[in-house]
Amino acid sequence: MNALDAGSTRPYLIRALYEGCVDNGLTPYVAVSVDDSVQVPREYVKDNEIVLNISFDATSHLKIDNDFVHFRARFGGVSRDIEVPID
């Protein structure tokens, strides 16, 4: 396998930054450019962007895989499923 055949390094970088924040007592956030492929509460989107706190205290069932960041979070007291493509 050569470098051109390898997959994206983006999911690995996101996981590393997440773990670095958690290990150092910082709050991990992700800024998301919102389009039709993103599942977030649209009422919290401003200028096609949303910033999400992905800390342990703010989410449940957080999973950062090679294709998506998935979790549940409360917005205005209502639990919502969030799905953000890594692309």
Protein backbone atom coordinates (compact mmCIF):
# COMPACT_ATOMS: atom_id res chain seq x y z
CA MET A 1 0.00 0.00 0.00
CA ASN A 2 1.32 3.44 -0.83
CA ALA A 3 0.32 6.86 0.51
CA LEU A 4 -2.20 7.38 -2.29
CA ASP A 5 -4.04 4.16 -1.39
CA ALA A 6 -4.23 4.99 2.32
CA GLY A 7 -7.46 6.37 3.77
CA SER A 8 -7.90 9.78 5.25
CA THR A 9 -5.92 10.66 8.37
CA ARG A 10 -8.72 13.02 9.50
CA PRO A 11 -10.51 10.52 11.83
CA TYR A 12 -7.21 9.66 13.52
CA LEU A 13 -6.41 13.33 14.06
CA ILE A 14 -9.87 14.01 15.48
CA ARG A 15 -9.54 11.08 17.92
CA ALA A 16 -6.02 12.18 18.92
CA LEU A 17 -7.13 15.77 19.55
CA TYR A 18 -10.14 14.54 21.51
CA GLU A 19 -7.98 12.31 23.70
CA GLY A 20 -5.40 15.07 24.16
CA CYS A 21 -8.09 17.49 25.36
CA VAL A 22 -9.60 14.94 27.74
CA ASP A 23 -6.20 13.87 29.12
CA ASN A 24 -5.30 17.49 29.85
CA GLY A 25 -8.61 18.49 31.44
CA LEU A 26 -9.73 20.58 28.45
CA THR A 27 -13.16 20.59 26.83
CA PRO A 28 -13.16 19.16 23.31
CA TYR A 29 -15.30 21.02 20.77
CA VAL A 30 -15.87 20.46 17.06
CA ALA A 31 -16.87 23.20 14.65
CA VAL A 32 -19.13 21.75 11.97
CA SER A 33 -20.02 23.13 8.57
CA VAL A 34 -23.67 22.13 8.25
CA ASP A 35 -25.17 20.70 5.07
CA ASP A 36 -27.74 17.99 4.30
CA SER A 37 -25.34 15.21 5.38
CA VAL A 38 -25.11 16.51 8.97
CA GLN A 39 -27.65 15.50 11.60
CA VAL A 40 -27.81 18.30 14.18
CA PRO A 41 -30.62 20.42 15.63
CA ARG A 42 -31.08 23.00 12.86
CA GLU A 43 -32.47 25.60 15.26
CA TYR A 44 -28.95 25.93 16.76
CA VAL A 45 -27.19 26.38 13.41
CA LYS A 46 -25.97 29.90 12.60
CA ASP A 47 -24.47 30.84 9.24
CA ASN A 48 -24.38 27.12 8.30
CA GLU A 49 -22.14 26.32 11.28
CA ILE A 50 -22.56 24.78 14.70
CA VAL A 51 -20.00 24.27 17.46
CA LEU A 52 -20.53 21.11 19.49
CA ASN A 53 -19.14 20.25 22.91
CA ILE A 54 -18.16 16.58 22.66
CA SER A 55 -16.94 16.15 26.23
CA PHE A 56 -17.91 13.12 28.30
CA ASP A 57 -20.23 15.29 30.44
CA ALA A 58 -22.03 16.78 27.41
CA THR A 59 -22.56 13.59 25.40
CA SER A 60 -23.59 9.99 25.71
CA HIS A 61 -22.65 7.10 23.45
CA LEU A 62 -19.87 9.12 21.77
CA LYS A 63 -18.27 7.21 18.91
CA ILE A 64 -15.64 8.63 16.59
CA ASP A 65 -15.21 6.13 13.77
CA ASN A 66 -13.59 6.52 10.37
CA ASP A 67 -16.73 7.91 8.74
CA PHE A 68 -18.77 9.73 11.39
CA VAL A 69 -18.81 11.32 14.82
CA HIS A 70 -21.97 9.96 16.51
CA PHE A 71 -23.39 10.82 19.93
CA ARG A 72 -26.47 11.88 21.89
CA ALA A 73 -26.66 15.28 23.52
CA ARG A 74 -29.25 17.51 25.13
CA PHE A 75 -30.33 20.73 23.46
CA GLY A 76 -32.80 22.79 25.45
CA GLY A 77 -33.36 19.76 27.69
CA VAL A 78 -34.26 17.47 24.79
CA SER A 79 -32.00 14.51 23.99
CA ARG A 80 -31.00 14.46 20.30
CA ASP A 81 -29.03 12.10 18.08
CA ILE A 82 -26.09 13.84 16.43
CA GLU A 83 -24.24 12.53 13.41
CA VAL A 84 -21.43 14.44 11.73
CA PRO A 85 -19.55 13.02 8.74
CA ILE A 86 -15.77 13.09 9.10
CA ASP A 87 -15.42 14.42 5.54
